[in-house]
Amino acid sequence: MSGTTRFTTGSVTANSLTVGTGATLEFDTAARVLSPSTFSQQNPSGETRLRIGGTAAGQFNRLVASGTFTAGGKLTVQIEPGFVPALGQTFDLFDFTSFSSFNLPALASELQIL
């Protein structure tokens, strides 16, 4: 894919998804799940944008690859208006990743992103 691709359906299952040079993958709301069999974002200029709007299933984006997951580029996490993360809350956005840079929201001093 190239340019910006915005997912606007509840859950999307695909064979393979590759985020190309300078491309952006984003979701229109926090209630979206993308499940490709393989995911690849190998160029540092690509970006993946995920949203968190709550702690329950369907309130935050998930990228779940049933096969190979290769990540590079930039990860941006947005907190939806009206939601304030609290100490002890966790969000399983994806399992294995290594982004070249992070653009994460500011959190209260007692909170951390692991």
PDB file of N, CA and C in Angstrom:
ATOM      1  N   MET A   1       0.841  -1.168   0.000  1.00  0.00           N
ATOM      2  CA  MET A   1       0.000   0.000   0.000  1.00  0.00           C
ATOM      3  C   MET A   1       0.883   1.226   0.000  1.00  0.00           C
ATOM      4  N   SER A   2       0.355   2.322  -0.520  1.00  0.00           N
ATOM      5  CA  SER A   2       1.088   3.589  -0.521  1.00  0.00           C
ATOM      6  C   SER A   2       0.126   4.688  -0.114  1.00  0.00           C
ATOM      7  N   GLY A   3       0.653   5.892   0.144  1.00  0.00           N
ATOM      8  CA  GLY A   3      -0.202   6.973   0.624  1.00  0.00           C
ATOM      9  C   GLY A   3      -0.707   6.649   2.009  1.00  0.00           C
ATOM     10  N   THR A   4      -1.923   7.113   2.361  1.00  0.00           N
ATOM     11  CA  THR A   4      -2.529   6.815   3.653  1.00  0.00           C
ATOM     12  C   THR A   4      -3.694   5.866   3.438  1.00  0.00           C
ATOM     13  N   THR A   5      -3.697   4.747   4.146  1.00  0.00           N
ATOM     14  CA  THR A   5      -4.800   3.806   4.101  1.00  0.00           C
ATOM     15  C   THR A   5      -5.479   3.835   5.453  1.00  0.00           C
ATOM     16  N   ARG A   6      -6.776   4.154   5.453  1.00  0.00           N
ATOM     17  CA  ARG A   6      -7.558   4.239   6.692  1.00  0.00           C
ATOM     18  C   ARG A   6      -8.585   3.121   6.686  1.00  0.00           C
ATOM     19  N   PHE A   7      -8.565   2.285   7.736  1.00  0.00           N
ATOM     20  CA  PHE A   7      -9.509   1.189   7.844  1.00  0.00           C
ATOM     21  C   PHE A   7     -10.767   1.681   8.555  1.00  0.00           C
ATOM     22  N   THR A   8     -11.925   1.426   7.923  1.00  0.00           N
ATOM     23  CA  THR A   8     -13.184   1.966   8.442  1.00  0.00           C
ATOM     24  C   THR A   8     -14.239   0.885   8.656  1.00  0.00           C
ATOM     25  N   THR A   9     -13.823  -0.375   8.744  1.00  0.00           N
ATOM     26  CA  THR A   9     -14.759  -1.442   9.063  1.00  0.00           C
ATOM     27  C   THR A   9     -14.315  -2.076  10.369  1.00  0.00           C
ATOM     28  N   GLY A  10     -15.211  -2.817  11.014  1.00  0.00           N
ATOM     29  CA  GLY A  10     -14.917  -3.376  12.326  1.00  0.00           C
ATOM     30  C   GLY A  10     -13.648  -4.185  12.397  1.00  0.00           C
ATOM     31  N   SER A  11     -13.581  -5.285  11.658  1.00  0.00           N
ATOM     32  CA  SER A  11     -12.397  -6.138  11.629  1.00  0.00           C
ATOM     33  C   SER A  11     -12.065  -6.455  10.187  1.00  0.00           C
ATOM     34  N   VAL A  12     -10.791  -6.444   9.854  1.00  0.00           N
ATOM     35  CA  VAL A  12     -10.341  -6.737   8.499  1.00  0.00           C
ATOM     36  C   VAL A  12      -9.359  -7.892   8.566  1.00  0.00           C
ATOM     37  N   THR A  13      -9.589  -8.920   7.741  1.00  0.00           N
ATOM     38  CA  THR A  13      -8.668 -10.036   7.624  1.00  0.00           C
ATOM     39  C   THR A  13      -8.112 -10.011   6.213  1.00  0.00           C
ATOM     40  N   ALA A  14      -6.801 -10.146   6.081  1.00  0.00           N
ATOM     41  CA  ALA A  14      -6.158 -10.090   4.775  1.00  0.00           C
ATOM     42  C   ALA A  14      -5.049 -11.125   4.708  1.00  0.00           C
ATOM     43  N   ASN A  15      -4.669 -11.521   3.476  1.00  0.00           N
ATOM     44  CA  ASN A  15      -3.555 -12.462   3.320  1.00  0.00           C
ATOM     45  C   ASN A  15      -2.245 -11.821   3.726  1.00  0.00           C
ATOM     46  N   SER A  16      -1.964 -10.648   3.187  1.00  0.00           N
ATOM     47  CA  SER A  16      -0.680  -9.999   3.434  1.00  0.00           C
ATOM     48  C   SER A  16      -0.872  -8.496   3.365  1.00  0.00           C
ATOM     49  N   LEU A  17      -0.170  -7.779   4.211  1.00  0.00           N
ATOM     50  CA  LEU A  17      -0.238  -6.321   4.203  1.00  0.00           C
ATOM     51  C   LEU A  17       1.175  -5.781   4.278  1.00  0.00           C
ATOM     52  N   THR A  18       1.539  -4.952   3.303  1.00  0.00           N
ATOM     53  CA  THR A  18       2.844  -4.309   3.295  1.00  0.00           C
ATOM     54  C   THR A  18       2.648  -2.809   3.263  1.00  0.00           C
ATOM     55  N   VAL A  19       3.226  -2.105   4.224  1.00  0.00           N
ATOM     56  CA  VAL A  19       3.198  -0.651   4.266  1.00  0.00           C
ATOM     57  C   VAL A  19       4.438  -0.173   3.524  1.00  0.00           C
ATOM     58  N   GLY A  20       4.241   0.500   2.396  1.00  0.00           N
ATOM     59  CA  GLY A  20       5.344   0.900   1.537  1.00  0.00           C
ATOM     60  C   GLY A  20       6.056   2.157   1.998  1.00  0.00           C
ATOM     61  N   THR A  21       7.052   2.557   1.225  1.00  0.00           N
ATOM     62  CA  THR A  21       7.862   3.737   1.510  1.00  0.00           C
ATOM     63  C   THR A  21       6.975   4.964   1.662  1.00  0.00           C
ATOM     64  N   GLY A  22       7.067   5.635   2.799  1.00  0.00           N
ATOM     65  CA  GLY A  22       6.309   6.858   3.047  1.00  0.00           C
ATOM     66  C   GLY A  22       4.825   6.650   3.285  1.00  0.00           C
ATOM     67  N   ALA A  23       4.361   5.404   3.345  1.00  0.00           N
ATOM     68  CA  ALA A  23       2.933   5.128   3.514  1.00  0.00           C
ATOM     69  C   ALA A  23       2.534   5.194   4.986  1.00  0.00           C
ATOM     70  N   THR A  24       1.225   5.416   5.236  1.00  0.00           N
ATOM     71  CA  THR A  24       0.678   5.472   6.587  1.00  0.00           C
ATOM     72  C   THR A  24      -0.495   4.520   6.701  1.00  0.00           C
ATOM     73  N   LEU A  25      -0.492   3.687   7.732  1.00  0.00           N
ATOM     74  CA  LEU A  25      -1.608   2.806   8.062  1.00  0.00           C
ATOM     75  C   LEU A  25      -2.284   3.396   9.282  1.00  0.00           C
ATOM     76  N   GLU A  26      -3.597   3.657   9.187  1.00  0.00           N
ATOM     77  CA  GLU A  26      -4.320   4.196  10.351  1.00  0.00           C
ATOM     78  C   GLU A  26      -5.738   3.671  10.367  1.00  0.00           C
ATOM     79  N   PHE A  27      -6.392   3.822  11.522  1.00  0.00           N
ATOM     80  CA  PHE A  27      -7.762   3.390  11.736  1.00  0.00           C
ATOM     81  C   PHE A  27      -8.619   4.610  12.024  1.00  0.00           C
ATOM     82  N   ASP A  28      -9.896   4.592  11.610  1.00  0.00           N
ATOM     83  CA  ASP A  28     -10.745   5.762  11.826  1.00  0.00           C
ATOM     84  C   ASP A  28     -11.253   5.862  13.260  1.00  0.00           C
ATOM     85  N   THR A  29     -11.326   4.745  13.981  1.00  0.00           N
ATOM     86  CA  THR A  29     -11.712   4.756  15.396  1.00  0.00           C
ATOM     87  C   THR A  29     -10.874   3.722  16.137  1.00  0.00           C
ATOM     88  N   ALA A  30     -10.975   3.714  17.442  1.00  0.00           N
ATOM     89  CA  ALA A  30     -10.231   2.759  18.256  1.00  0.00           C
ATOM     90  C   ALA A  30     -10.841   1.365  18.206  1.00  0.00           C
ATOM     91  N   ALA A  31     -12.000   1.197  17.591  1.00  0.00           N
ATOM     92  CA  ALA A  31     -12.711  -0.087  17.609  1.00  0.00           C
ATOM     93  C   ALA A  31     -12.383  -0.977  16.409  1.00  0.00           C
ATOM     94  N   ARG A  32     -11.206  -0.877  15.850  1.00  0.00           N
ATOM     95  CA  ARG A  32     -10.854  -1.638  14.659  1.00  0.00           C
ATOM     96  C   ARG A  32      -9.744  -2.648  14.942  1.00  0.00           C
ATOM     97  N   VAL A  33      -9.841  -3.819  14.308  1.00  0.00           N
ATOM     98  CA  VAL A  33      -8.827  -4.857  14.407  1.00  0.00           C
ATOM     99  C   VAL A  33      -8.421  -5.247  12.992  1.00  0.00           C
ATOM    100  N   LEU A  34      -7.135  -5.289  12.731  1.00  0.00           N
ATOM    101  CA  LEU A  34      -6.602  -5.705  11.441  1.00  0.00           C
ATOM    102  C   LEU A  34      -5.849  -7.007  11.647  1.00  0.00           C
ATOM    103  N   SER A  35      -6.200  -8.049  10.875  1.00  0.00           N
ATOM    104  CA  SER A  35      -5.603  -9.377  11.049  1.00  0.00           C
ATOM    105  C   SER A  35      -5.049  -9.916   9.730  1.00  0.00           C
ATOM    106  N   PRO A  36      -3.891  -9.421   9.308  1.00  0.00           N
ATOM    107  CA  PRO A  36      -3.270 -10.001   8.114  1.00  0.00           C
ATOM    108  C   PRO A  36      -2.516 -11.276   8.485  1.00  0.00           C
ATOM    109  N   SER A  37      -2.340 -12.175   7.509  1.00  0.00           N
ATOM    110  CA  SER A  37      -1.515 -13.357   7.805  1.00  0.00           C
ATOM    111  C   SER A  37      -0.056 -12.939   7.938  1.00  0.00           C
ATOM    112  N   THR A  38       0.379 -11.949   7.164  1.00  0.00           N
ATOM    113  CA  THR A  38       1.716 -11.376   7.331  1.00  0.00           C
ATOM    114  C   THR A  38       1.617  -9.863   7.280  1.00  0.00           C
ATOM    115  N   PHE A  39       2.456  -9.206   8.068  1.00  0.00           N
ATOM    116  CA  PHE A  39       2.509  -7.746   8.100  1.00  0.00           C
ATOM    117  C   PHE A  39       3.954  -7.336   7.921  1.00  0.00           C
ATOM    118  N   SER A  40       4.178  -6.376   7.025  1.00  0.00           N
ATOM    119  CA  SER A  40       5.541  -5.911   6.787  1.00  0.00           C
ATOM    120  C   SER A  40       5.547  -4.400   6.617  1.00  0.00           C
ATOM    121  N   GLN A  41       6.325  -3.736   7.435  1.00  0.00           N
ATOM    122  CA  GLN A  41       6.579  -2.300   7.298  1.00  0.00           C
ATOM    123  C   GLN A  41       8.069  -2.140   7.493  1.00  0.00           C
ATOM    124  N   GLN A  42       8.798  -2.229   6.404  1.00  0.00           N
ATOM    125  CA  GLN A  42      10.244  -2.301   6.513  1.00  0.00           C
ATOM    126  C   GLN A  42      10.952  -0.988   6.248  1.00  0.00           C
ATOM    127  N   ASN A  43      10.262   0.003   5.732  1.00  0.00           N
ATOM    128  CA  ASN A  43      10.916   1.266   5.407  1.00  0.00           C
ATOM    129  C   ASN A  43      10.777   2.239   6.566  1.00  0.00           C
ATOM    130  N   PRO A  44      11.855   2.917   6.970  1.00  0.00           N
ATOM    131  CA  PRO A  44      11.791   3.853   8.095  1.00  0.00           C
ATOM    132  C   PRO A  44      10.845   5.026   7.883  1.00  0.00           C
ATOM    133  N   SER A  45      10.456   5.309   6.646  1.00  0.00           N
ATOM    134  CA  SER A  45       9.548   6.439   6.414  1.00  0.00           C
ATOM    135  C   SER A  45       8.079   6.035   6.498  1.00  0.00           C
ATOM    136  N   GLY A  46       7.779   4.742   6.692  1.00  0.00           N
ATOM    137  CA  GLY A  46       6.398   4.295   6.875  1.00  0.00           C
ATOM    138  C   GLY A  46       5.932   4.582   8.291  1.00  0.00           C
ATOM    139  N   GLU A  47       4.611   4.651   8.469  1.00  0.00           N
ATOM    140  CA  GLU A  47       4.060   4.947   9.796  1.00  0.00           C
ATOM    141  C   GLU A  47       2.826   4.095  10.055  1.00  0.00           C
ATOM    142  N   THR A  48       2.701   3.590  11.281  1.00  0.00           N
ATOM    143  CA  THR A  48       1.512   2.883  11.744  1.00  0.00           C
ATOM    144  C   THR A  48       0.916   3.700  12.874  1.00  0.00           C
ATOM    145  N   ARG A  49      -0.379   4.053  12.753  1.00  0.00           N
ATOM    146  CA  ARG A  49      -1.064   4.859  13.771  1.00  0.00           C
ATOM    147  C   ARG A  49      -2.150   4.020  14.430  1.00  0.00           C
ATOM    148  N   LEU A  50      -2.072   3.884  15.744  1.00  0.00           N
ATOM    149  CA  LEU A  50      -3.060   3.129  16.512  1.00  0.00           C
ATOM    150  C   LEU A  50      -3.742   4.053  17.511  1.00  0.00           C
ATOM    151  N   ARG A  51      -4.999   3.736  17.845  1.00  0.00           N
ATOM    152  CA  ARG A  51      -5.795   4.553  18.773  1.00  0.00           C
ATOM    153  C   ARG A  51      -6.197   3.725  19.989  1.00  0.00           C
ATOM    154  N   ILE A  52      -6.231   4.381  21.144  1.00  0.00           N
ATOM    155  CA  ILE A  52      -6.697   3.756  22.382  1.00  0.00           C
ATOM    156  C   ILE A  52      -7.830   4.620  22.931  1.00  0.00           C
ATOM    157  N   GLY A  53      -9.007   3.986  23.120  1.00  0.00           N
ATOM    158  CA  GLY A  53     -10.161   4.711  23.616  1.00  0.00           C
ATOM    159  C   GLY A  53     -10.757   4.109  24.874  1.00  0.00           C
ATOM    160  N   GLY A  54     -10.145   3.043  25.392  1.00  0.00           N
ATOM    161  CA  GLY A  54     -10.644   2.372  26.590  1.00  0.00           C
ATOM    162  C   GLY A  54      -9.898   1.073  26.778  1.00  0.00           C
ATOM    163  N   THR A  55     -10.267   0.306  27.810  1.00  0.00           N
ATOM    164  CA  THR A  55      -9.539  -0.920  28.129  1.00  0.00           C
ATOM    165  C   THR A  55     -10.211  -2.186  27.619  1.00  0.00           C
ATOM    166  N   ALA A  56     -11.484  -2.139  27.304  1.00  0.00           N
ATOM    167  CA  ALA A  56     -12.214  -3.335  26.876  1.00  0.00           C
ATOM    168  C   ALA A  56     -11.921  -3.664  25.412  1.00  0.00           C
ATOM    169  N   ALA A  57     -12.100  -4.928  25.073  1.00  0.00           N
ATOM    170  CA  ALA A  57     -11.949  -5.340  23.672  1.00  0.00           C
ATOM    171  C   ALA A  57     -12.838  -4.460  22.798  1.00  0.00           C
ATOM    172  N   GLY A  58     -12.309  -4.011  21.682  1.00  0.00           N
ATOM    173  CA  GLY A  58     -13.068  -3.141  20.790  1.00  0.00           C
ATOM    174  C   GLY A  58     -12.912  -1.662  21.098  1.00  0.00           C
ATOM    175  N   GLN A  59     -12.137  -1.318  22.138  1.00  0.00           N
ATOM    176  CA  GLN A  59     -11.917   0.084  22.470  1.00  0.00           C
ATOM    177  C   GLN A  59     -10.507   0.550  22.134  1.00  0.00           C
ATOM    178  N   PHE A  60      -9.708  -0.337  21.558  1.00  0.00           N
ATOM    179  CA  PHE A  60      -8.370   0.053  21.102  1.00  0.00           C
ATOM    180  C   PHE A  60      -8.010  -0.780  19.883  1.00  0.00           C
ATOM    181  N   ASN A  61      -7.204  -0.198  19.005  1.00  0.00           N
ATOM    182  CA  ASN A  61      -6.801  -0.892  17.785  1.00  0.00           C
ATOM    183  C   ASN A  61      -5.874  -2.050  18.098  1.00  0.00           C
ATOM    184  N   ARG A  62      -5.972  -3.082  17.271  1.00  0.00           N
ATOM    185  CA  ARG A  62      -5.074  -4.232  17.375  1.00  0.00           C
ATOM    186  C   ARG A  62      -4.594  -4.588  15.986  1.00  0.00           C
ATOM    187  N   LEU A  63      -3.339  -4.936  15.895  1.00  0.00           N
ATOM    188  CA  LEU A  63      -2.738  -5.426  14.662  1.00  0.00           C
ATOM    189  C   LEU A  63      -2.230  -6.817  14.981  1.00  0.00           C
ATOM    190  N   VAL A  64      -2.909  -7.842  14.468  1.00  0.00           N
ATOM    191  CA  VAL A  64      -2.658  -9.227  14.857  1.00  0.00           C
ATOM    192  C   VAL A  64      -2.284 -10.026  13.612  1.00  0.00           C
ATOM    193  N   ALA A  65      -1.009 -10.350  13.460  1.00  0.00           N
ATOM    194  CA  ALA A  65      -0.546 -11.146  12.320  1.00  0.00           C
ATOM    195  C   ALA A  65      -0.494 -12.612  12.719  1.00  0.00           C
ATOM    196  N   SER A  66      -1.144 -13.465  11.937  1.00  0.00           N
ATOM    197  CA  SER A  66      -1.112 -14.895  12.238  1.00  0.00           C
ATOM    198  C   SER A  66       0.179 -15.536  11.751  1.00  0.00           C
ATOM    199  N   GLY A  67       0.926 -14.820  10.926  1.00  0.00           N
ATOM    200  CA  GLY A  67       2.213 -15.314  10.431  1.00  0.00           C
ATOM    201  C   GLY A  67       3.315 -14.341  10.789  1.00  0.00           C
ATOM    202  N   THR A  68       4.130 -14.004   9.818  1.00  0.00           N
ATOM    203  CA  THR A  68       5.286 -13.145  10.025  1.00  0.00           C
ATOM    204  C   THR A  68       4.876 -11.704  10.307  1.00  0.00           C
ATOM    205  N   PHE A  69       5.518 -11.088  11.294  1.00  0.00           N
ATOM    206  CA  PHE A  69       5.296  -9.681  11.625  1.00  0.00           C
ATOM    207  C   PHE A  69       6.651  -8.983  11.582  1.00  0.00           C
ATOM    208  N   THR A  70       6.830  -8.102  10.610  1.00  0.00           N
ATOM    209  CA  THR A  70       8.073  -7.355  10.474  1.00  0.00           C
ATOM    210  C   THR A  70       7.728  -5.884  10.535  1.00  0.00           C
ATOM    211  N   ALA A  71       8.342  -5.160  11.463  1.00  0.00           N
ATOM    212  CA  ALA A  71       7.992  -3.752  11.616  1.00  0.00           C
ATOM    213  C   ALA A  71       9.233  -2.880  11.593  1.00  0.00           C
ATOM    214  N   GLY A  72       9.093  -1.763  10.948  1.00  0.00           N
ATOM    215  CA  GLY A  72      10.110  -0.725  10.919  1.00  0.00           C
ATOM    216  C   GLY A  72       9.355   0.584  10.775  1.00  0.00           C
ATOM    217  N   GLY A  73      10.025   1.678  10.697  1.00  0.00           N
ATOM    218  CA  GLY A  73       9.316   2.944  10.568  1.00  0.00           C
ATOM    219  C   GLY A  73       8.855   3.472  11.908  1.00  0.00           C
ATOM    220  N   LYS A  74       7.762   4.186  11.889  1.00  0.00           N
ATOM    221  CA  LYS A  74       7.314   4.933  13.072  1.00  0.00           C
ATOM    222  C   LYS A  74       5.987   4.392  13.592  1.00  0.00           C
ATOM    223  N   LEU A  75       5.876   4.305  14.903  1.00  0.00           N
ATOM    224  CA  LEU A  75       4.625   3.943  15.572  1.00  0.00           C
ATOM    225  C   LEU A  75       4.093   5.179  16.269  1.00  0.00           C
ATOM    226  N   THR A  76       2.833   5.540  15.971  1.00  0.00           N
ATOM    227  CA  THR A  76       2.167   6.646  16.652  1.00  0.00           C
ATOM    228  C   THR A  76       0.950   6.076  17.372  1.00  0.00           C
ATOM    229  N   VAL A  77       0.845   6.348  18.670  1.00  0.00           N
ATOM    230  CA  VAL A  77      -0.297   5.911  19.465  1.00  0.00           C
ATOM    231  C   VAL A  77      -1.050   7.149  19.913  1.00  0.00           C
ATOM    232  N   GLN A  78      -2.360   7.181  19.620  1.00  0.00           N
ATOM    233  CA  GLN A  78      -3.209   8.310  20.013  1.00  0.00           C
ATOM    234  C   GLN A  78      -4.191   7.863  21.089  1.00  0.00           C
ATOM    235  N   ILE A  79      -4.373   8.694  22.107  1.00  0.00           N
ATOM    236  CA  ILE A  79      -5.396   8.468  23.122  1.00  0.00           C
ATOM    237  C   ILE A  79      -6.643   9.225  22.677  1.00  0.00           C
ATOM    238  N   GLU A  80      -7.774   8.523  22.611  1.00  0.00           N
ATOM    239  CA  GLU A  80      -9.021   9.139  22.178  1.00  0.00           C
ATOM    240  C   GLU A  80      -9.521  10.163  23.209  1.00  0.00           C
ATOM    241  N   PRO A  81     -10.150  11.234  22.745  1.00  0.00           N
ATOM    242  CA  PRO A  81     -10.699  12.235  23.667  1.00  0.00           C
ATOM    243  C   PRO A  81     -11.656  11.590  24.679  1.00  0.00           C
ATOM    244  N   GLY A  82     -11.539  11.983  25.923  1.00  0.00           N
ATOM    245  CA  GLY A  82     -12.415  11.477  26.969  1.00  0.00           C
ATOM    246  C   GLY A  82     -11.869  10.270  27.714  1.00  0.00           C
ATOM    247  N   PHE A  83     -10.825   9.645  27.193  1.00  0.00           N
ATOM    248  CA  PHE A  83     -10.233   8.498  27.882  1.00  0.00           C
ATOM    249  C   PHE A  83      -8.921   8.913  28.520  1.00  0.00           C
ATOM    250  N   VAL A  84      -8.743   8.559  29.790  1.00  0.00           N
ATOM    251  CA  VAL A  84      -7.506   8.855  30.507  1.00  0.00           C
ATOM    252  C   VAL A  84      -6.962   7.530  31.041  1.00  0.00           C
ATOM    253  N   PRO A  85      -5.833   7.044  30.501  1.00  0.00           N
ATOM    254  CA  PRO A  85      -5.268   5.788  31.001  1.00  0.00           C
ATOM    255  C   PRO A  85      -4.913   5.892  32.478  1.00  0.00           C
ATOM    256  N   ALA A  86      -5.108   4.793  33.190  1.00  0.00           N
ATOM    257  CA  ALA A  86      -4.818   4.758  34.625  1.00  0.00           C
ATOM    258  C   ALA A  86      -3.753   3.709  34.917  1.00  0.00           C
ATOM    259  N   LEU A  87      -3.117   3.853  36.046  1.00  0.00           N
ATOM    260  CA  LEU A  87      -2.096   2.924  36.503  1.00  0.00           C
ATOM    261  C   LEU A  87      -2.648   1.499  36.490  1.00  0.00           C
ATOM    262  N   GLY A  88      -1.898   0.568  35.902  1.00  0.00           N
ATOM    263  CA  GLY A  88      -2.299  -0.837  35.871  1.00  0.00           C
ATOM    264  C   GLY A  88      -3.046  -1.255  34.618  1.00  0.00           C
ATOM    265  N   GLN A  89      -3.519  -0.317  33.817  1.00  0.00           N
ATOM    266  CA  GLN A  89      -4.217  -0.669  32.579  1.00  0.00           C
ATOM    267  C   GLN A  89      -3.209  -1.097  31.520  1.00  0.00           C
ATOM    268  N   THR A  90      -3.556  -2.114  30.738  1.00  0.00           N
ATOM    269  CA  THR A  90      -2.687  -2.586  29.668  1.00  0.00           C
ATOM    270  C   THR A  90      -3.470  -2.695  28.369  1.00  0.00           C
ATOM    271  N   PHE A  91      -2.754  -2.638  27.253  1.00  0.00           N
ATOM    272  CA  PHE A  91      -3.370  -2.676  25.931  1.00  0.00           C
ATOM    273  C   PHE A  91      -2.525  -3.567  25.034  1.00  0.00           C
ATOM    274  N   ASP A  92      -3.086  -4.677  24.569  1.00  0.00           N
ATOM    275  CA  ASP A  92      -2.369  -5.608  23.707  1.00  0.00           C
ATOM    276  C   ASP A  92      -2.570  -5.172  22.257  1.00  0.00           C
ATOM    277  N   LEU A  93      -1.711  -4.264  21.797  1.00  0.00           N
ATOM    278  CA  LEU A  93      -1.829  -3.716  20.447  1.00  0.00           C
ATOM    279  C   LEU A  93      -1.278  -4.696  19.417  1.00  0.00           C
ATOM    280  N   PHE A  94      -0.155  -5.331  19.699  1.00  0.00           N
ATOM    281  CA  PHE A  94       0.442  -6.411  18.924  1.00  0.00           C
ATOM    282  C   PHE A  94       1.523  -7.066  19.772  1.00  0.00           C
ATOM    283  N   ASP A  95       1.976  -8.235  19.319  1.00  0.00           N
ATOM    284  CA  ASP A  95       2.892  -8.997  20.169  1.00  0.00           C
ATOM    285  C   ASP A  95       4.367  -8.668  19.967  1.00  0.00           C
ATOM    286  N   PHE A  96       4.887  -8.734  18.745  1.00  0.00           N
ATOM    287  CA  PHE A  96       6.307  -8.522  18.516  1.00  0.00           C
ATOM    288  C   PHE A  96       6.502  -7.343  17.585  1.00  0.00           C
ATOM    289  N   THR A  97       7.383  -6.429  17.956  1.00  0.00           N
ATOM    290  CA  THR A  97       7.614  -5.262  17.109  1.00  0.00           C
ATOM    291  C   THR A  97       8.967  -4.641  17.396  1.00  0.00           C
ATOM    292  N   SER A  98       9.482  -3.953  16.408  1.00  0.00           N
ATOM    293  CA  SER A  98      10.673  -3.133  16.607  1.00  0.00           C
ATOM    294  C   SER A  98      10.595  -1.966  15.643  1.00  0.00           C
ATOM    295  N   PHE A  99      10.102  -0.856  16.110  1.00  0.00           N
ATOM    296  CA  PHE A  99       9.969   0.345  15.300  1.00  0.00           C
ATOM    297  C   PHE A  99      11.242   1.177  15.417  1.00  0.00           C
ATOM    298  N   SER A 100      11.559   1.924  14.360  1.00  0.00           N
ATOM    299  CA  SER A 100      12.768   2.750  14.391  1.00  0.00           C
ATOM    300  C   SER A 100      12.572   4.008  15.229  1.00  0.00           C
ATOM    301  N   SER A 101      11.316   4.418  15.447  1.00  0.00           N
ATOM    302  CA  SER A 101      11.043   5.562  16.318  1.00  0.00           C
ATOM    303  C   SER A 101       9.641   5.423  16.886  1.00  0.00           C
ATOM    304  N   PHE A 102       9.399   6.098  17.995  1.00  0.00           N
ATOM    305  CA  PHE A 102       8.098   6.066  18.646  1.00  0.00           C
ATOM    306  C   PHE A 102       7.568   7.481  18.788  1.00  0.00           C
ATOM    307  N   ASN A 103       6.268   7.637  18.617  1.00  0.00           N
ATOM    308  CA  ASN A 103       5.594   8.908  18.848  1.00  0.00           C
ATOM    309  C   ASN A 103       4.418   8.579  19.757  1.00  0.00           C
ATOM    310  N   LEU A 104       4.672   8.548  21.052  1.00  0.00           N
ATOM    311  CA  LEU A 104       3.686   8.105  22.027  1.00  0.00           C
ATOM    312  C   LEU A 104       3.125   9.292  22.806  1.00  0.00           C
ATOM    313  N   PRO A 105       1.887   9.169  23.296  1.00  0.00           N
ATOM    314  CA  PRO A 105       1.281  10.283  24.024  1.00  0.00           C
ATOM    315  C   PRO A 105       1.942  10.507  25.382  1.00  0.00           C
ATOM    316  N   ALA A 106       1.880  11.728  25.855  1.00  0.00           N
ATOM    317  CA  ALA A 106       2.376  12.048  27.189  1.00  0.00           C
ATOM    318  C   ALA A 106       1.454  11.396  28.219  1.00  0.00           C
ATOM    319  N   LEU A 107       2.034  10.834  29.251  1.00  0.00           N
ATOM    320  CA  LEU A 107       1.260  10.190  30.306  1.00  0.00           C
ATOM    321  C   LEU A 107       1.597  10.825  31.648  1.00  0.00           C
ATOM    322  N   ALA A 108       0.708  10.653  32.606  1.00  0.00           N
ATOM    323  CA  ALA A 108       0.983  11.132  33.955  1.00  0.00           C
ATOM    324  C   ALA A 108       2.270  10.477  34.448  1.00  0.00           C
ATOM    325  N   SER A 109       2.977  11.127  35.356  1.00  0.00           N
ATOM    326  CA  SER A 109       4.313  10.693  35.781  1.00  0.00           C
ATOM    327  C   SER A 109       4.335   9.261  36.335  1.00  0.00           C
ATOM    328  N   GLU A 110       3.251   8.771  36.920  1.00  0.00           N
ATOM    329  CA  GLU A 110       3.249   7.428  37.487  1.00  0.00           C
ATOM    330  C   GLU A 110       2.928   6.348  36.462  1.00  0.00           C
ATOM    331  N   LEU A 111       2.650   6.725  35.212  1.00  0.00           N
ATOM    332  CA  LEU A 111       2.312   5.762  34.159  1.00  0.00           C
ATOM    333  C   LEU A 111       3.509   5.547  33.253  1.00  0.00           C
ATOM    334  N   GLN A 112       3.531   4.408  32.578  1.00  0.00           N
ATOM    335  CA  GLN A 112       4.606   4.129  31.638  1.00  0.00           C
ATOM    336  C   GLN A 112       4.104   3.270  30.496  1.00  0.00           C
ATOM    337  N   ILE A 113       4.783   3.338  29.384  1.00  0.00           N
ATOM    338  CA  ILE A 113       4.499   2.484  28.233  1.00  0.00           C
ATOM    339  C   ILE A 113       5.629   1.494  28.142  1.00  0.00           C
ATOM    340  N   LEU A 114       5.299   0.202  28.175  1.00  0.00           N
ATOM    341  CA  LEU A 114       6.317  -0.861  28.140  1.00  0.00           C
ATOM    342  C   LEU A 114       6.419  -1.430  26.758  1.00  0.00           C
TER     343      LEU A 114
END
